[in-house]
Amino acid sequence: GLIFYDTKVTVMNRVLNATVQRTADHAAPEITLDPLEIVGGEIRSSENSYFCQAARQLACVPSSQLCVKLASGGDPTYAFNIRFTGEEVHGTSGSFRHFLWQVCKELQSSSLSLLLLCPSSAVNKNKGKYILTPSPITYAEEQLFHFFGQLLGIAIRADVPLPLDLLPSFWKTLVGEPLDPDTDLQEADILTYNYIKKFENINDETELEALCAEIASQHLATESPDCPNKPCCKFTYLTMTGEEVELCPRGRHIPVGWENKDVYATAIRSLRMRELQTPECMTAVRAGLGSIIPLQLLTTLTPLEMELRTCGLPYINLEFLKAHTMYQVGLMETDQHIEFFWSALEMFTQEELCKFIKFACNQERIPFTCPCKDGGPDTAHVPPYPMKIAPPDGAAGT
């Protein structure tokens, strides 16, 4: 926390360039994607998604082939080239950026089950934020999590921010920072957090009975075996994926009473914290990431800095964009139509600005690592900077 972000990025970039394994004389691996598989935006089965098509084809490419130098002006070197079946695309940049954008859309949709919408978003807290899906994983899913980790590393080397909205708990676990049992639980699942708090704050047995009656009315409790009409809770709880599990051996047969209510609350909290850490999934993600960038770099970054380096900022700063714009011969910043252009952009909502950036350079976010914040003419630009505005092609008309 004592080192400036810019300093860390400079060191990180130096290390990334020193760990390049694919040199200029090696051809980039190439994958072929079939856009018809995902036509109409609805992916009929997850195997057809760009994510799975790419994971299958890159599974046999050694990860050293994907470790390329960082972008610094000109057209960057990408980890792999993409061909779209039946489409003629010039250059590698547009299709690569489009691929990353499409993959992030797939990850945050129902077509792939690697990420789960955090339970809090159901009650409008952290709306649209995701976590890794906490459930036992098959070997095939482990491979997909490994590829997801590789994509994070590939995006860092390419300096293309991924439009992913993940909870801070993901970034904390990724960089190896312990989770906070209060803050992180509240962020991810506020309903469970409030439920635990109710049990922790009970003062006497009548309050406990009233609470069990309230829970019973929501079908979460059953009747007590001793007094048939007296509702009680058992040592079970729903996982984030909606499955009822026992919180201890024979939990279904153990009622929650005055003596063990705190044990019950602690057991639910432990269940959620285990789900947020998802050790099996996270191990696979870290292994994938570590095959592209040295994991030791993560020890210097805070979770927020890791997120900024991988995903950029979810909003567009127009002043920053202006500072990174070049006007080609014959155009001036003071030309009337250029002034109209910027004032039009100033009226855009953030959503519209993201669409404009997507239109201009095929990615929705702008990198947060550009070493040339002031946009001076002699600084090395990180693509997609600078944005170029050119005069019209034809001479006819105005």
Protein backbone atom coordinates (compact mmCIF):
# COMPACT_ATOMS: atom_id res chain seq x y z
CA GLY A 1 0.00 0.00 0.00
CA LEU A 2 3.02 2.31 0.25
CA ILE A 3 3.93 2.14 -3.44
CA PHE A 4 2.23 4.30 -6.07
CA TYR A 5 0.15 2.43 -8.66
CA ASP A 6 2.19 3.94 -11.54
CA THR A 7 5.43 2.68 -9.97
CA LYS A 8 3.98 -0.82 -9.62
CA VAL A 9 2.77 -0.80 -13.23
CA THR A 10 6.22 0.30 -14.44
CA VAL A 11 7.88 -2.57 -12.55
CA MET A 12 5.19 -4.99 -13.70
CA ASN A 13 5.62 -3.95 -17.35
CA ARG A 14 9.38 -4.36 -17.08
CA VAL A 15 8.96 -7.90 -15.70
CA LEU A 16 6.37 -8.77 -18.36
CA ASN A 17 8.74 -7.67 -21.13
CA ALA A 18 11.59 -9.62 -19.53
CA THR A 19 9.49 -12.81 -19.45
CA VAL A 20 8.52 -12.80 -23.13
CA GLN A 21 8.78 -16.33 -24.54
CA ARG A 22 7.50 -15.92 -28.09
CA THR A 23 9.85 -13.82 -30.17
CA ALA A 24 9.17 -12.00 -33.44
CA ASP A 25 10.50 -14.87 -35.58
CA HIS A 26 7.81 -17.25 -34.28
CA ALA A 27 4.41 -17.13 -35.95
CA ALA A 28 1.46 -16.50 -33.64
CA PRO A 29 -0.83 -19.47 -32.94
CA GLU A 30 -4.07 -19.12 -34.90
CA ILE A 31 -7.57 -20.22 -33.95
CA THR A 32 -10.66 -20.38 -36.12
CA LEU A 33 -14.02 -19.36 -34.71
CA ASP A 34 -17.35 -19.95 -36.34
CA PRO A 35 -19.63 -16.92 -35.82
CA LEU A 36 -22.62 -18.95 -37.07
CA GLU A 37 -22.40 -21.05 -33.91
CA ILE A 38 -23.53 -18.04 -31.86
CA VAL A 39 -25.79 -16.40 -34.41
CA GLY A 40 -28.70 -14.39 -33.04
CA GLY A 41 -26.93 -13.87 -29.73
CA GLU A 42 -28.41 -17.08 -28.29
CA ILE A 43 -25.83 -19.78 -27.74
CA ARG A 44 -27.64 -23.07 -27.99
CA SER A 45 -25.02 -25.03 -26.09
CA SER A 46 -21.98 -23.88 -24.17
CA GLU A 47 -19.63 -25.93 -26.43
CA ASN A 48 -20.47 -23.55 -29.29
CA SER A 49 -19.51 -20.41 -27.36
CA TYR A 50 -16.39 -18.50 -28.48
CA PHE A 51 -14.97 -19.22 -25.01
CA CYS A 52 -15.23 -23.02 -25.42
CA GLN A 53 -14.26 -22.97 -29.12
CA ALA A 54 -11.07 -21.07 -28.17
CA ALA A 55 -10.35 -23.18 -25.05
CA ARG A 56 -10.52 -26.38 -27.13
CA GLN A 57 -8.15 -25.09 -29.81
CA LEU A 58 -5.65 -23.47 -27.43
CA ALA A 59 -5.50 -26.51 -25.13
CA CYS A 60 -2.77 -28.00 -27.32
CA VAL A 61 -0.77 -24.74 -27.69
CA PRO A 62 2.09 -24.46 -25.13
CA SER A 63 1.45 -21.47 -22.85
CA SER A 64 4.95 -20.12 -23.66
CA GLN A 65 3.60 -19.31 -27.15
CA LEU A 66 1.07 -16.94 -25.55
CA CYS A 67 3.65 -14.90 -23.56
CA VAL A 68 4.24 -11.90 -25.81
CA LYS A 69 5.71 -8.46 -25.26
CA LEU A 70 3.53 -5.57 -24.17
CA ALA A 71 1.93 -3.22 -26.62
CA SER A 72 3.87 0.01 -27.18
CA GLY A 73 2.72 2.00 -30.17
CA GLY A 74 1.93 0.53 -33.58
CA ASP A 75 -0.07 -2.65 -33.90
CA PRO A 76 0.53 -4.75 -30.78
CA THR A 77 1.57 -8.40 -30.79
CA TYR A 78 -1.30 -10.56 -29.61
CA ALA A 79 -1.16 -13.94 -27.89
CA PHE A 80 -2.96 -15.53 -30.84
CA ASN A 81 -4.60 -14.55 -34.10
CA ILE A 82 -8.25 -15.18 -34.83
CA ARG A 83 -9.89 -16.17 -38.07
CA PHE A 84 -13.65 -15.99 -38.39
CA THR A 85 -15.04 -18.64 -40.74
CA GLY A 86 -16.37 -17.01 -43.89
CA GLU A 87 -15.30 -13.46 -42.96
CA GLU A 88 -12.48 -11.42 -44.43
CA VAL A 89 -10.84 -9.36 -41.69
CA HIS A 90 -7.84 -7.07 -42.28
CA GLY A 91 -5.23 -6.98 -39.52
CA THR A 92 -5.39 -8.90 -36.25
CA SER A 93 -6.38 -6.16 -33.83
CA GLY A 94 -10.11 -5.83 -34.47
CA SER A 95 -10.94 -9.52 -34.38
CA PHE A 96 -8.84 -10.09 -31.22
CA ARG A 97 -10.54 -7.23 -29.34
CA HIS A 98 -13.95 -8.38 -30.56
CA PHE A 99 -13.19 -11.90 -29.35
CA LEU A 100 -12.31 -10.70 -25.83
CA TRP A 101 -15.47 -8.57 -25.69
CA GLN A 102 -17.66 -11.48 -26.85
CA VAL A 103 -16.05 -13.89 -24.37
CA CYS A 104 -16.75 -11.53 -21.45
CA LYS A 105 -20.39 -11.33 -22.56
CA GLU A 106 -20.56 -15.14 -22.60
CA LEU A 107 -18.94 -15.47 -19.18
CA GLN A 108 -21.52 -13.09 -17.72
CA SER A 109 -24.51 -14.83 -19.31
CA SER A 110 -26.38 -18.06 -18.68
CA SER A 111 -24.61 -19.87 -21.52
CA LEU A 112 -21.51 -20.65 -19.40
CA SER A 113 -21.75 -21.66 -15.76
CA LEU A 114 -18.30 -20.50 -14.60
CA LEU A 115 -19.54 -17.24 -13.08
CA LEU A 116 -22.58 -16.74 -10.85
CA LEU A 117 -24.50 -13.50 -10.29
CA CYS A 118 -23.89 -12.62 -6.64
CA PRO A 119 -26.99 -13.22 -4.45
CA SER A 120 -26.97 -9.56 -3.28
CA SER A 121 -27.84 -8.38 -6.79
CA ALA A 122 -31.31 -9.93 -6.33
CA VAL A 123 -32.01 -7.12 -3.84
CA ASN A 124 -30.29 -4.38 -5.89
CA LYS A 125 -26.98 -4.38 -4.04
CA ASN A 126 -23.92 -4.88 -6.29
CA LYS A 127 -26.29 -5.36 -9.20
CA GLY A 128 -24.66 -7.17 -12.13
CA LYS A 129 -21.59 -8.24 -10.14
CA TYR A 130 -20.33 -11.82 -10.46
CA ILE A 131 -18.37 -14.37 -8.43
CA LEU A 132 -16.88 -17.74 -9.39
CA THR A 133 -19.61 -20.41 -9.23
CA PRO A 134 -19.03 -22.25 -5.94
CA SER A 135 -19.58 -25.94 -6.61
CA PRO A 136 -17.43 -29.05 -6.97
CA ILE A 137 -15.87 -29.01 -10.43
CA THR A 138 -15.31 -31.69 -13.04
CA TYR A 139 -12.01 -32.06 -14.89
CA ALA A 140 -13.54 -30.35 -17.96
CA GLU A 141 -14.67 -27.36 -15.84
CA GLU A 142 -11.23 -27.18 -14.24
CA GLN A 143 -9.76 -26.82 -17.76
CA LEU A 144 -12.20 -23.98 -18.49
CA PHE A 145 -11.27 -22.16 -15.25
CA HIS A 146 -7.61 -22.61 -16.23
CA PHE A 147 -8.36 -21.01 -19.61
CA PHE A 148 -10.25 -18.19 -17.85
CA GLY A 149 -7.07 -17.49 -15.84
CA GLN A 150 -5.03 -17.53 -19.04
CA LEU A 151 -7.38 -14.97 -20.59
CA LEU A 152 -6.81 -12.60 -17.64
CA GLY A 153 -3.05 -12.84 -18.28
CA ILE A 154 -3.47 -12.51 -22.05
CA ALA A 155 -5.56 -9.33 -21.57
CA ILE A 156 -2.88 -7.87 -19.27
CA ARG A 157 -0.13 -8.52 -21.85
CA ALA A 158 -2.29 -7.13 -24.68
CA ASP A 159 -3.43 -4.13 -22.61
CA VAL A 160 -7.04 -4.71 -23.65
CA PRO A 161 -9.24 -4.22 -20.57
CA LEU A 162 -11.84 -6.96 -20.07
CA PRO A 163 -15.40 -5.71 -19.47
CA LEU A 164 -15.87 -8.08 -16.51
CA ASP A 165 -17.79 -7.05 -13.39
CA LEU A 166 -16.49 -9.24 -10.58
CA LEU A 167 -16.92 -8.69 -6.84
CA PRO A 168 -13.88 -7.45 -4.86
CA SER A 169 -13.79 -10.86 -3.11
CA PHE A 170 -12.67 -12.42 -6.44
CA TRP A 171 -9.73 -10.03 -6.79
CA LYS A 172 -8.83 -10.44 -3.10
CA THR A 173 -8.65 -14.23 -3.41
CA LEU A 174 -6.73 -13.91 -6.69
CA VAL A 175 -3.96 -11.77 -5.16
CA GLY A 176 -3.98 -13.88 -1.97
CA GLU A 177 -5.54 -11.39 0.44
CA PRO A 178 -7.76 -12.86 3.19
CA LEU A 179 -11.49 -12.17 2.92
CA ASP A 180 -13.31 -10.13 5.58
CA PRO A 181 -16.10 -12.29 7.09
CA ASP A 182 -18.26 -9.18 7.53
CA THR A 183 -17.65 -6.85 4.57
CA ASP A 184 -17.19 -9.52 1.91
CA LEU A 185 -20.20 -11.54 3.04
CA GLN A 186 -22.35 -8.39 3.05
CA GLU A 187 -21.15 -7.48 -0.47
CA ALA A 188 -21.86 -10.93 -1.87
CA ASP A 189 -25.00 -12.03 -0.01
CA ILE A 190 -26.67 -9.37 2.08
CA LEU A 191 -29.73 -11.56 2.80
CA THR A 192 -27.61 -14.27 4.45
CA TYR A 193 -25.61 -11.59 6.27
CA ASN A 194 -28.81 -10.13 7.74
CA TYR A 195 -30.09 -13.64 8.57
CA ILE A 196 -26.90 -14.42 10.54
CA LYS A 197 -27.09 -11.06 12.33
CA LYS A 198 -30.64 -11.83 13.50
CA PHE A 199 -29.43 -15.00 15.23
CA GLU A 200 -26.38 -13.25 16.71
CA ASN A 201 -28.45 -10.39 18.14
CA ILE A 202 -31.15 -12.45 19.92
CA ASN A 203 -31.45 -11.71 23.63
CA ASP A 204 -33.77 -14.42 24.96
CA GLU A 205 -35.58 -17.63 24.05
CA THR A 206 -38.90 -15.91 23.24
CA GLU A 207 -37.14 -13.84 20.58
CA LEU A 208 -35.60 -17.02 19.19
CA GLU A 209 -39.06 -18.65 19.02
CA ALA A 210 -40.48 -15.59 17.25
CA LEU A 211 -37.58 -15.64 14.78
CA CYS A 212 -38.09 -19.37 14.06
CA ALA A 213 -41.81 -18.68 13.53
CA GLU A 214 -40.94 -15.89 11.08
CA ILE A 215 -38.54 -18.20 9.22
CA ALA A 216 -41.14 -20.98 9.23
CA SER A 217 -43.58 -18.67 7.46
CA GLN A 218 -40.94 -18.40 4.70
CA HIS A 219 -40.70 -22.23 4.51
CA LEU A 220 -37.16 -22.32 5.82
CA ALA A 221 -38.00 -24.09 9.11
CA THR A 222 -39.80 -27.24 10.19
CA GLU A 223 -41.78 -28.12 13.31
CA SER A 224 -39.95 -29.08 16.46
CA PRO A 225 -40.02 -32.85 17.20
CA ASP A 226 -40.70 -32.20 20.94
CA CYS A 227 -43.64 -29.80 20.51
CA PRO A 228 -45.29 -30.46 17.13
CA ASN A 229 -46.80 -26.96 16.78
CA LYS A 230 -43.63 -25.10 17.75
CA PRO A 231 -41.55 -24.20 14.66
CA CYS A 232 -37.78 -24.67 14.71
CA CYS A 233 -34.80 -24.39 12.35
CA LYS A 234 -32.48 -27.28 11.61
CA PHE A 235 -28.73 -27.21 10.96
CA THR A 236 -29.16 -26.92 7.20
CA TYR A 237 -28.87 -23.97 4.82
CA LEU A 238 -29.07 -23.24 1.11
CA THR A 239 -25.83 -22.88 -0.86
CA MET A 240 -25.43 -19.99 -3.32
CA THR A 241 -26.43 -22.36 -6.10
CA GLY A 242 -29.71 -23.13 -4.28
CA GLU A 243 -28.91 -26.58 -2.89
CA GLU A 244 -29.82 -27.45 0.72
CA VAL A 245 -26.80 -28.75 2.65
CA GLU A 246 -26.19 -29.91 6.23
CA LEU A 247 -24.02 -27.51 8.24
CA CYS A 248 -22.65 -30.38 10.36
CA PRO A 249 -22.95 -34.20 10.37
CA ARG A 250 -26.64 -35.20 10.79
CA GLY A 251 -27.55 -31.48 10.53
CA ARG A 252 -31.06 -32.28 9.26
CA HIS A 253 -31.87 -33.86 12.63
CA ILE A 254 -30.40 -31.15 14.87
CA PRO A 255 -32.80 -28.33 15.82
CA VAL A 256 -31.47 -24.81 16.47
CA GLY A 257 -31.99 -23.89 20.12
CA TRP A 258 -30.86 -21.27 22.61
CA GLU A 259 -27.63 -23.17 23.43
CA ASN A 260 -26.45 -23.69 19.85
CA LYS A 261 -27.81 -20.66 17.95
CA ASP A 262 -24.34 -19.04 17.80
CA VAL A 263 -22.81 -22.27 16.47
CA TYR A 264 -25.56 -22.25 13.80
CA ALA A 265 -24.80 -18.63 12.80
CA THR A 266 -21.04 -19.32 12.65
CA ALA A 267 -21.61 -22.46 10.54
CA ILE A 268 -23.63 -20.48 7.95
CA ARG A 269 -20.95 -17.78 7.83
CA SER A 270 -18.23 -20.45 7.29
CA LEU A 271 -20.28 -22.04 4.51
CA ARG A 272 -20.54 -18.70 2.67
CA MET A 273 -16.88 -17.81 3.17
CA ARG A 274 -15.83 -21.19 1.74
CA GLU A 275 -18.13 -20.56 -1.23
CA LEU A 276 -16.61 -17.11 -1.81
CA GLN A 277 -13.06 -18.49 -1.71
CA THR A 278 -13.91 -21.45 -4.03
CA PRO A 279 -10.43 -22.99 -3.54
CA GLU A 280 -10.68 -25.57 -6.37
CA CYS A 281 -11.86 -23.03 -8.96
CA MET A 282 -9.44 -20.34 -7.80
CA THR A 283 -6.48 -22.74 -7.88
CA ALA A 284 -7.29 -23.48 -11.54
CA VAL A 285 -7.69 -19.74 -12.35
CA ARG A 286 -4.37 -18.89 -10.67
CA ALA A 287 -2.62 -21.77 -12.48
CA GLY A 288 -3.92 -20.41 -15.81
CA LEU A 289 -2.87 -16.85 -14.95
CA GLY A 290 0.54 -18.09 -13.77
CA SER A 291 1.18 -19.73 -17.14
CA ILE A 292 1.03 -16.26 -18.80
CA ILE A 293 2.40 -13.82 -16.21
CA PRO A 294 4.65 -14.48 -13.16
CA LEU A 295 2.35 -14.86 -10.13
CA GLN A 296 4.95 -13.16 -7.90
CA LEU A 297 3.82 -9.85 -9.47
CA LEU A 298 0.47 -10.16 -7.70
CA THR A 299 2.12 -9.79 -4.29
CA THR A 300 2.68 -6.08 -4.89
CA LEU A 301 -0.82 -5.30 -6.16
CA THR A 302 -3.87 -4.53 -4.05
CA PRO A 303 -7.10 -6.25 -5.20
CA LEU A 304 -8.36 -2.94 -6.68
CA GLU A 305 -5.10 -2.38 -8.58
CA MET A 306 -5.26 -5.92 -10.00
CA GLU A 307 -8.82 -5.19 -11.15
CA LEU A 308 -7.77 -1.88 -12.77
CA ARG A 309 -4.82 -3.55 -14.52
CA THR A 310 -7.05 -6.33 -15.88
CA CYS A 311 -10.41 -4.63 -16.44
CA GLY A 312 -9.68 -0.90 -16.64
CA LEU A 313 -12.37 1.51 -15.47
CA PRO A 314 -16.01 0.75 -16.25
CA TYR A 315 -16.54 4.37 -17.35
CA ILE A 316 -15.02 6.56 -20.06
CA ASN A 317 -13.19 9.77 -19.15
CA LEU A 318 -13.67 12.19 -22.07
CA GLU A 319 -10.85 14.53 -21.01
CA PHE A 320 -8.49 11.55 -21.10
CA LEU A 321 -9.77 10.61 -24.56
CA LYS A 322 -9.32 14.19 -25.84
CA ALA A 323 -5.72 14.19 -24.60
CA HIS A 324 -5.16 10.99 -26.62
CA THR A 325 -6.62 12.13 -29.93
CA MET A 326 -4.65 12.99 -33.07
CA TYR A 327 -5.99 15.15 -35.90
CA GLN A 328 -4.73 14.19 -39.33
CA VAL A 329 -3.44 16.66 -41.92
CA GLY A 330 -5.86 19.47 -42.66
CA LEU A 331 -7.82 19.17 -39.40
CA MET A 332 -7.57 21.29 -36.27
CA GLU A 333 -9.06 20.89 -32.81
CA THR A 334 -10.70 24.28 -33.35
CA ASP A 335 -12.56 23.26 -36.55
CA GLN A 336 -16.27 23.75 -36.10
CA HIS A 337 -17.24 20.16 -36.90
CA ILE A 338 -14.58 18.83 -34.50
CA GLU A 339 -16.01 21.05 -31.75
CA PHE A 340 -19.49 19.74 -32.62
CA PHE A 341 -18.08 16.20 -32.39
CA TRP A 342 -16.78 16.67 -28.84
CA SER A 343 -19.88 18.51 -27.65
CA ALA A 344 -22.00 15.66 -29.04
CA LEU A 345 -19.87 13.15 -27.09
CA GLU A 346 -20.28 15.27 -23.95
CA MET A 347 -24.05 14.72 -24.19
CA PHE A 348 -23.64 10.93 -24.28
CA THR A 349 -24.49 8.75 -21.31
CA GLN A 350 -21.75 6.42 -20.06
CA GLU A 351 -23.50 3.53 -21.82
CA GLU A 352 -23.47 5.42 -25.13
CA LEU A 353 -19.80 6.38 -24.64
CA CYS A 354 -18.91 2.70 -24.15
CA LYS A 355 -20.73 1.95 -27.40
CA PHE A 356 -18.79 4.74 -29.13
CA ILE A 357 -15.47 3.29 -27.89
CA LYS A 358 -16.62 -0.18 -29.03
CA PHE A 359 -17.42 1.31 -32.47
CA ALA A 360 -14.10 3.17 -32.69
CA CYS A 361 -11.72 0.42 -31.52
CA ASN A 362 -13.71 -2.74 -30.78
CA GLN A 363 -13.38 -2.67 -26.99
CA GLU A 364 -15.68 -1.11 -24.42
CA ARG A 365 -13.09 0.10 -21.92
CA ILE A 366 -9.92 2.12 -22.21
CA PRO A 367 -6.70 0.84 -20.55
CA PHE A 368 -5.76 2.24 -17.16
CA THR A 369 -2.03 1.72 -17.72
CA CYS A 370 -1.22 4.29 -20.36
CA PRO A 371 2.15 5.75 -19.38
CA CYS A 372 1.27 8.95 -21.24
CA LYS A 373 -1.47 10.45 -19.09
CA ASP A 374 -0.81 13.95 -20.41
CA GLY A 375 -0.92 12.75 -23.99
CA GLY A 376 2.15 14.71 -25.06
CA PRO A 377 3.19 14.30 -28.73
CA ASP A 378 6.46 12.49 -27.92
CA THR A 379 5.05 9.90 -25.51
CA ALA A 380 4.74 6.23 -26.38
CA HIS A 381 1.07 5.46 -26.80
CA VAL A 382 -0.53 2.21 -25.75
CA PRO A 383 -3.02 1.04 -28.40
CA PRO A 384 -5.87 1.82 -29.00
CA TYR A 385 -4.37 5.29 -28.49
CA PRO A 386 -4.19 7.70 -30.02
CA MET A 387 -7.66 7.97 -31.48
CA LYS A 388 -7.25 9.41 -34.99
CA ILE A 389 -9.72 11.76 -36.63
CA ALA A 390 -9.25 11.94 -40.39
CA PRO A 391 -10.78 14.19 -43.07
CA PRO A 392 -13.47 12.60 -45.31
CA ASP A 393 -12.22 10.45 -48.21
CA GLY A 394 -14.04 12.17 -51.05
CA ALA A 395 -13.57 15.84 -51.98
CA ALA A 396 -17.18 16.30 -53.15
CA GLY A 397 -19.67 18.21 -50.99
CA THR A 398 -19.10 19.60 -47.51
